[in-house]
Protein backbone atom coordinates (compact mmCIF):
# COMPACT_ATOMS: atom_id res chain seq x y z
CA MET A 1 0.00 0.03 -0.01
CA VAL A 2 1.39 3.37 -1.01
CA GLY A 3 -0.28 6.64 0.05
CA GLY A 4 -3.43 4.74 1.06
CA VAL A 5 -3.74 3.01 -2.32
CA SER A 6 -3.06 -0.75 -2.60
CA PHE A 7 -1.41 -2.38 -5.58
CA GLY A 8 -4.19 -4.39 -7.23
CA LEU A 9 -3.81 -6.18 -10.58
CA ALA A 10 -0.73 -5.03 -12.55
CA GLY A 11 -0.20 -2.28 -10.02
CA GLU A 12 -2.84 -0.16 -11.71
CA PRO A 13 -3.94 1.73 -8.59
CA LEU A 14 -0.28 2.58 -7.82
CA ILE A 15 0.27 3.82 -11.36
CA ALA A 16 -2.83 5.98 -11.21
CA GLU A 17 -1.76 7.37 -7.79
CA LEU A 18 1.72 8.28 -9.13
CA ARG A 19 0.18 10.00 -12.13
CA TRP A 20 -2.13 12.03 -9.90
CA LEU A 21 0.79 12.87 -7.66
CA ARG A 22 2.64 14.34 -10.57
CA VAL A 23 -0.42 16.25 -11.73
CA VAL A 24 -0.95 17.76 -8.30
CA CYS A 25 2.72 18.74 -8.01
CA GLY A 26 2.71 20.14 -11.58
CA VAL A 27 -0.34 22.21 -11.06
CA GLY A 28 0.91 23.53 -7.76
CA VAL A 29 4.46 24.27 -8.95
CA GLY A 30 3.37 25.83 -12.22
CA GLY A 31 0.63 27.93 -10.63
CA SER A 32 2.94 29.13 -7.85
CA LEU A 33 5.69 30.19 -10.24
CA ALA A 34 3.28 31.99 -12.54
CA VAL A 35 1.55 33.88 -9.76
CA ALA A 36 4.93 34.79 -8.28
CA GLY A 37 5.93 36.15 -11.67
CA VAL A 38 2.81 38.36 -11.87
CA MET A 39 3.54 39.71 -8.40
CA LEU A 40 7.23 40.38 -9.08
CA GLN A 41 6.45 42.14 -12.30
CA SER A 42 3.94 44.33 -10.47
CA LEU A 43 6.21 44.86 -7.42
CA LEU A 44 9.24 45.93 -9.55
CA ARG A 45 7.25 47.41 -12.45
CA ASN A 46 9.47 45.33 -14.72
CA PRO A 47 8.02 43.04 -17.42
CA LEU A 48 11.22 40.87 -17.28
CA ALA A 49 10.91 40.07 -13.60
CA SER A 50 10.48 36.40 -12.67
CA PRO A 51 11.56 34.14 -9.79
CA ASP A 52 14.44 32.48 -11.66
CA LEU A 53 15.81 35.66 -13.30
CA LEU A 54 15.87 37.57 -10.00
CA GLY A 55 17.66 34.88 -8.04
CA LEU A 56 14.78 33.77 -5.83
CA SER A 57 15.02 30.18 -7.04
CA ALA A 58 18.80 30.10 -6.47
CA GLY A 59 18.38 31.57 -2.96
CA ALA A 60 15.78 28.95 -2.08
CA GLY A 61 18.06 26.19 -3.45
CA LEU A 62 21.04 27.41 -1.44
CA ALA A 63 18.94 27.44 1.71
CA VAL A 64 17.83 23.85 1.01
CA MET A 65 21.44 22.76 0.65
CA ILE A 66 22.48 24.52 3.80
CA VAL A 67 19.74 22.77 5.76
CA ALA A 68 20.88 19.44 4.31
CA TYR A 69 24.45 20.08 5.37
CA ALA A 70 23.45 21.32 8.79
CA GLY A 71 21.36 18.27 9.27
CA TYR A 72 24.28 16.04 8.27
CA LEU A 73 26.58 17.74 10.74
CA ALA A 74 23.99 17.42 13.54
CA THR A 75 22.74 13.88 12.94
CA GLY A 76 25.18 12.18 10.67
CA SER A 77 22.48 11.67 8.06
CA ILE A 78 21.24 13.84 5.27
CA VAL A 79 18.01 15.74 5.92
CA PRO A 80 15.65 15.49 2.91
CA ALA A 81 15.42 18.75 0.98
CA ALA A 82 11.66 18.47 1.13
CA ALA A 83 11.85 18.96 4.88
CA SER A 84 12.98 22.59 4.59
CA PRO A 85 10.24 24.77 3.13
CA ALA A 86 10.76 27.38 5.83
CA ALA A 87 14.45 27.62 5.05
CA ALA A 88 13.72 27.85 1.36
CA THR A 89 11.31 30.70 1.95
CA VAL A 90 13.97 32.62 3.94
CA GLY A 91 16.47 31.98 1.18
CA SER A 92 14.18 33.24 -1.62
CA LEU A 93 13.19 36.34 0.32
CA ALA A 94 16.81 37.12 1.17
CA ALA A 95 17.82 36.78 -2.46
CA LEU A 96 14.99 39.09 -3.56
CA ALA A 97 15.99 41.70 -0.93
CA LEU A 98 19.61 41.48 -2.04
CA VAL A 99 18.81 41.94 -5.73
CA TYR A 100 16.40 44.79 -4.96
CA GLY A 101 18.98 46.57 -2.79
CA LEU A 102 21.88 46.16 -5.26
CA SER A 103 19.73 47.41 -8.16
CA GLN A 104 18.98 50.70 -6.51
CA ARG A 105 20.86 53.73 -7.78
CA ARG A 106 19.93 57.08 -6.35
CA GLY A 107 16.52 55.76 -5.57
CA LEU A 108 15.94 54.60 -9.16
CA MET A 109 16.02 51.13 -10.69
CA GLU A 110 16.54 50.39 -14.37
CA PRO A 111 14.71 47.31 -15.63
CA VAL A 112 17.74 45.91 -17.45
CA THR A 113 20.06 46.61 -14.53
CA LEU A 114 17.68 44.73 -12.23
CA ILE A 115 17.77 41.67 -14.44
CA LEU A 116 21.59 41.76 -14.78
CA VAL A 117 21.96 41.99 -10.98
CA GLY A 118 19.43 39.17 -10.59
CA VAL A 119 21.26 36.88 -12.99
CA ILE A 120 24.63 37.54 -11.33
CA VAL A 121 23.25 37.04 -7.84
CA GLY A 122 21.60 33.85 -9.11
CA ILE A 123 24.94 32.53 -10.48
CA VAL A 124 26.78 33.35 -7.24
CA LEU A 125 24.14 31.64 -5.12
CA GLY A 126 24.10 28.62 -7.44
CA SER A 127 27.85 28.36 -7.10
CA ALA A 128 27.55 28.54 -3.35
CA SER A 129 25.02 25.67 -3.49
CA SER A 130 27.53 23.62 -5.46
CA ILE A 131 30.16 24.23 -2.78
CA VAL A 132 27.84 23.18 0.03
CA ARG A 133 26.79 20.16 -2.03
CA GLN A 134 30.41 18.98 -2.33
CA LEU A 135 30.76 19.04 1.45
CA LEU A 136 28.19 16.28 1.79
CA PRO A 137 29.47 12.66 1.92
CA ASP A 138 27.67 11.61 -1.28
CA GLY A 139 28.59 14.79 -3.09
CA GLY A 140 25.14 16.13 -2.46
CA PHE A 141 23.44 13.65 -4.73
CA GLN A 142 20.60 12.79 -2.38
CA ALA A 143 19.97 16.40 -1.30
CA SER A 144 20.27 17.86 -4.80
CA ARG A 145 17.83 15.49 -6.47
CA LEU A 146 15.09 17.98 -5.73
CA LEU A 147 17.10 20.87 -7.24
CA LEU A 148 17.16 19.49 -10.80
CA GLY A 149 13.95 21.15 -12.04
CA ARG A 150 11.93 17.94 -12.22
CA LEU A 151 8.89 16.34 -10.73
CA SER A 152 9.51 13.24 -8.69
CA ASP A 153 7.46 10.12 -8.06
CA ASP A 154 8.61 9.96 -4.44
CA THR A 155 7.42 13.42 -3.40
CA PRO A 156 5.44 13.04 -0.19
CA TRP A 157 1.72 13.65 -0.56
CA PRO A 158 1.58 16.27 2.21
CA LEU A 159 4.23 18.29 0.38
CA ALA A 160 2.37 17.92 -2.87
CA TRP A 161 -0.84 19.19 -1.33
CA GLY A 162 1.18 21.89 0.32
CA VAL A 163 2.50 23.35 -2.91
CA LEU A 164 -0.96 23.11 -4.51
CA SER A 165 -2.48 24.87 -1.50
CA ALA A 166 0.21 27.55 -1.73
CA GLY A 167 -0.59 28.17 -5.33
CA VAL A 168 -4.38 28.40 -4.64
CA VAL A 169 -3.88 30.71 -1.67
CA GLY A 170 -1.36 32.77 -3.61
CA ALA A 171 -3.76 33.19 -6.51
CA ALA A 172 -6.52 34.21 -4.09
CA VAL A 173 -4.31 36.80 -2.43
CA GLY A 174 -3.28 38.02 -5.82
CA ALA A 175 -6.91 38.37 -6.90
CA TRP A 176 -7.65 40.28 -3.75
CA LEU A 177 -4.76 42.64 -4.38
CA GLY A 178 -5.59 42.89 -8.10
CA PRO A 179 -7.22 46.38 -7.86
CA ALA A 180 -4.30 47.66 -5.75
CA MET A 181 -1.81 46.35 -8.32
CA ASP A 182 -3.81 47.99 -11.13
CA ALA A 183 -3.65 51.34 -9.29
CA ALA A 184 0.07 50.90 -8.49
CA SER A 185 0.91 50.25 -12.13
CA ARG A 186 -0.22 53.84 -12.90
CA GLY A 187 2.26 55.31 -10.44
CA ASP A 188 2.69 55.83 -6.71
CA ASP A 189 0.86 59.20 -6.65
CA GLU A 190 -2.23 57.84 -8.48
CA ALA A 191 -2.26 54.80 -6.25
CA ALA A 192 -2.08 56.94 -3.14
CA ALA A 193 -4.87 59.19 -4.48
CA VAL A 194 -7.26 56.22 -4.56
CA GLY A 195 -6.25 54.98 -1.08
CA VAL A 196 -3.70 52.34 -1.96
CA SER A 197 -0.88 51.84 0.54
CA ILE A 198 2.15 51.34 -1.70
CA ARG A 199 4.30 50.17 1.19
CA GLY A 200 1.76 47.68 2.35
CA LEU A 201 1.19 46.37 -1.14
CA ARG A 202 4.92 45.89 -1.72
CA VAL A 203 5.28 43.97 1.52
CA TRP A 204 2.43 41.60 0.54
CA LEU A 205 3.85 41.06 -2.98
CA PHE A 206 7.37 40.58 -1.62
CA VAL A 207 6.42 37.95 0.98
CA VAL A 208 3.86 36.01 -1.11
CA SER A 209 6.10 35.85 -4.18
CA GLY A 210 8.97 34.57 -2.01
CA VAL A 211 6.82 31.87 -0.37
CA LEU A 212 5.40 30.67 -3.67
CA THR A 213 8.89 30.41 -5.17
CA ALA A 214 10.23 28.59 -2.12
CA MET A 215 7.51 26.02 -2.18
CA SER A 216 7.99 25.34 -5.86
CA VAL A 217 11.71 24.90 -5.40
CA VAL A 218 11.31 22.46 -2.52
CA VAL A 219 8.99 20.30 -4.54
CA ALA A 220 10.56 20.44 -8.04
CA GLY A 221 13.77 22.51 -7.86
CA PRO A 222 14.40 25.56 -9.99
CA ILE A 223 12.21 25.60 -13.14
CA GLY A 224 12.92 28.53 -15.35
CA PHE A 225 10.84 30.94 -17.43
CA VAL A 226 7.37 29.84 -16.27
CA GLY A 227 7.14 32.91 -14.09
CA LEU A 228 8.17 35.08 -17.05
CA VAL A 229 6.40 33.73 -20.03
CA VAL A 230 3.01 32.59 -18.60
CA PRO A 231 2.01 36.00 -17.18
CA HIS A 232 2.83 37.70 -20.52
CA ALA A 233 0.81 35.08 -22.39
CA ALA A 234 -2.13 35.57 -20.09
CA ARG A 235 -1.80 39.35 -20.39
CA LEU A 236 -1.86 39.15 -24.21
CA MET A 237 -4.99 37.04 -24.16
CA LEU A 238 -6.98 38.50 -21.37
CA GLY A 239 -5.66 42.06 -20.78
CA PRO A 240 -3.80 43.82 -17.95
CA ASP A 241 -6.47 43.50 -15.21
CA HIS A 242 -4.51 41.97 -12.39
CA ARG A 243 -7.43 40.27 -10.76
CA VAL A 244 -8.08 38.28 -13.95
CA LEU A 245 -4.37 38.02 -14.75
CA VAL A 246 -3.37 36.39 -11.46
CA VAL A 247 -6.06 33.68 -11.69
CA ALA A 248 -5.45 33.02 -15.38
CA SER A 249 -1.66 32.80 -14.84
CA ALA A 250 -2.17 30.26 -12.10
CA VAL A 251 -4.30 28.05 -14.36
CA PHE A 252 -1.99 28.47 -17.39
CA GLY A 253 1.12 27.88 -15.32
CA GLY A 254 -0.12 24.66 -13.86
CA ALA A 255 -1.16 23.51 -17.36
CA VAL A 256 2.27 24.29 -18.77
CA ILE A 257 4.12 22.27 -16.13
CA VAL A 258 1.75 19.25 -16.44
CA ALA A 259 2.06 19.35 -20.21
CA ALA A 260 5.86 19.64 -20.02
CA ASP A 261 6.00 16.77 -17.62
CA ALA A 262 3.87 14.65 -19.95
CA LEU A 263 6.25 15.54 -22.78
CA VAL A 264 9.38 14.53 -20.98
CA ARG A 265 7.79 11.29 -19.80
CA SER A 266 7.09 10.43 -23.46
CA ILE A 267 10.78 10.84 -24.33
CA ASP A 268 12.60 7.68 -23.21
CA LEU A 269 16.35 8.20 -23.14
CA PRO A 270 18.93 5.59 -22.11
CA THR A 271 20.13 7.78 -19.24
CA GLY A 272 16.68 8.59 -17.89
CA ARG A 273 14.03 11.30 -18.41
CA LEU A 274 14.80 14.87 -19.09
CA PRO A 275 14.06 17.35 -16.26
CA VAL A 276 10.97 19.47 -16.85
CA GLY A 277 13.16 22.58 -16.47
CA VAL A 278 14.93 21.70 -19.71
CA VAL A 279 11.65 21.93 -21.67
CA THR A 280 10.59 25.22 -20.08
CA ALA A 281 14.07 26.70 -20.64
CA LEU A 282 14.07 25.65 -24.34
CA LEU A 283 10.69 27.28 -24.88
CA GLY A 284 11.07 30.26 -22.57
CA GLY A 285 14.71 31.22 -23.38
CA PRO A 286 13.97 32.53 -26.91
CA VAL A 287 10.96 34.44 -25.63
CA PHE A 288 13.09 36.14 -22.97
CA ILE A 289 15.67 37.14 -25.59
CA LEU A 290 13.00 38.64 -27.81
CA MET A 291 11.58 40.57 -24.86
CA LEU A 292 15.01 41.83 -23.83
CA ARG A 293 15.83 42.95 -27.33
CA SER A 294 12.52 44.75 -27.56
CA MET A 295 13.28 46.68 -24.40
CA LEU A 296 16.80 47.59 -25.47
CA THR A 297 15.70 48.93 -28.84
CA ARG A 298 12.99 51.24 -27.49
């Protein structure tokens, strides 16, 4: 019996359970990343903002590795990465705060500068994760399996429901904050004129986007470009209303990850299945380059 489901003939109940586990994880991870992307783009007023490009995913990953190493030092065994959602949240928020602080120049923040700083911080934090990983007795293999950008069949059901719940709650919070984000997109003065607290809004967006990114990293590792491309696709189809945009992005993001996972499961390689993050990077990378070129040529 696995997760309350017995084997049965040809293991069909188990296969069905594993498929549903991956669907639940995919919907939760994709929805969380897409909602985080909408919030970061609103928070920073930057269409190129996303959890992976701003270093949030790398910060969460480093925190997961530090927890694994600390657990090894304390107990002699490696603490599963999935046991550290709180640490991952702290890591993602710290990375976002660092990028935000380093990007400021005389109180102003250029969109391209923000992305460059985010990419550099992400590389540095990723390198730090590699160093910590090498300190573990198995070279960090066990702890880093969840940092490969893939959905796993051995994800605990409580964690799967946790990331799905985070995505649903995050989308609900985003829909609630939608009118405030609409007002803030017109400028601080106009937002204040209609009674929107910019400081309070930024705190909400900062914290919720960090938590959503952390939960997705704990479950599936860093998966790139979902938080960038999905919000833009939803915006093109449904318009800039943030209340609609957040909910649509959550749905589209979950669908993208589930579809990408189905695609990689259909490709049988001798060395194993491709990570989902490879598919999203191959699709999202060219889109990011086109967007960046468009911004630079304005």
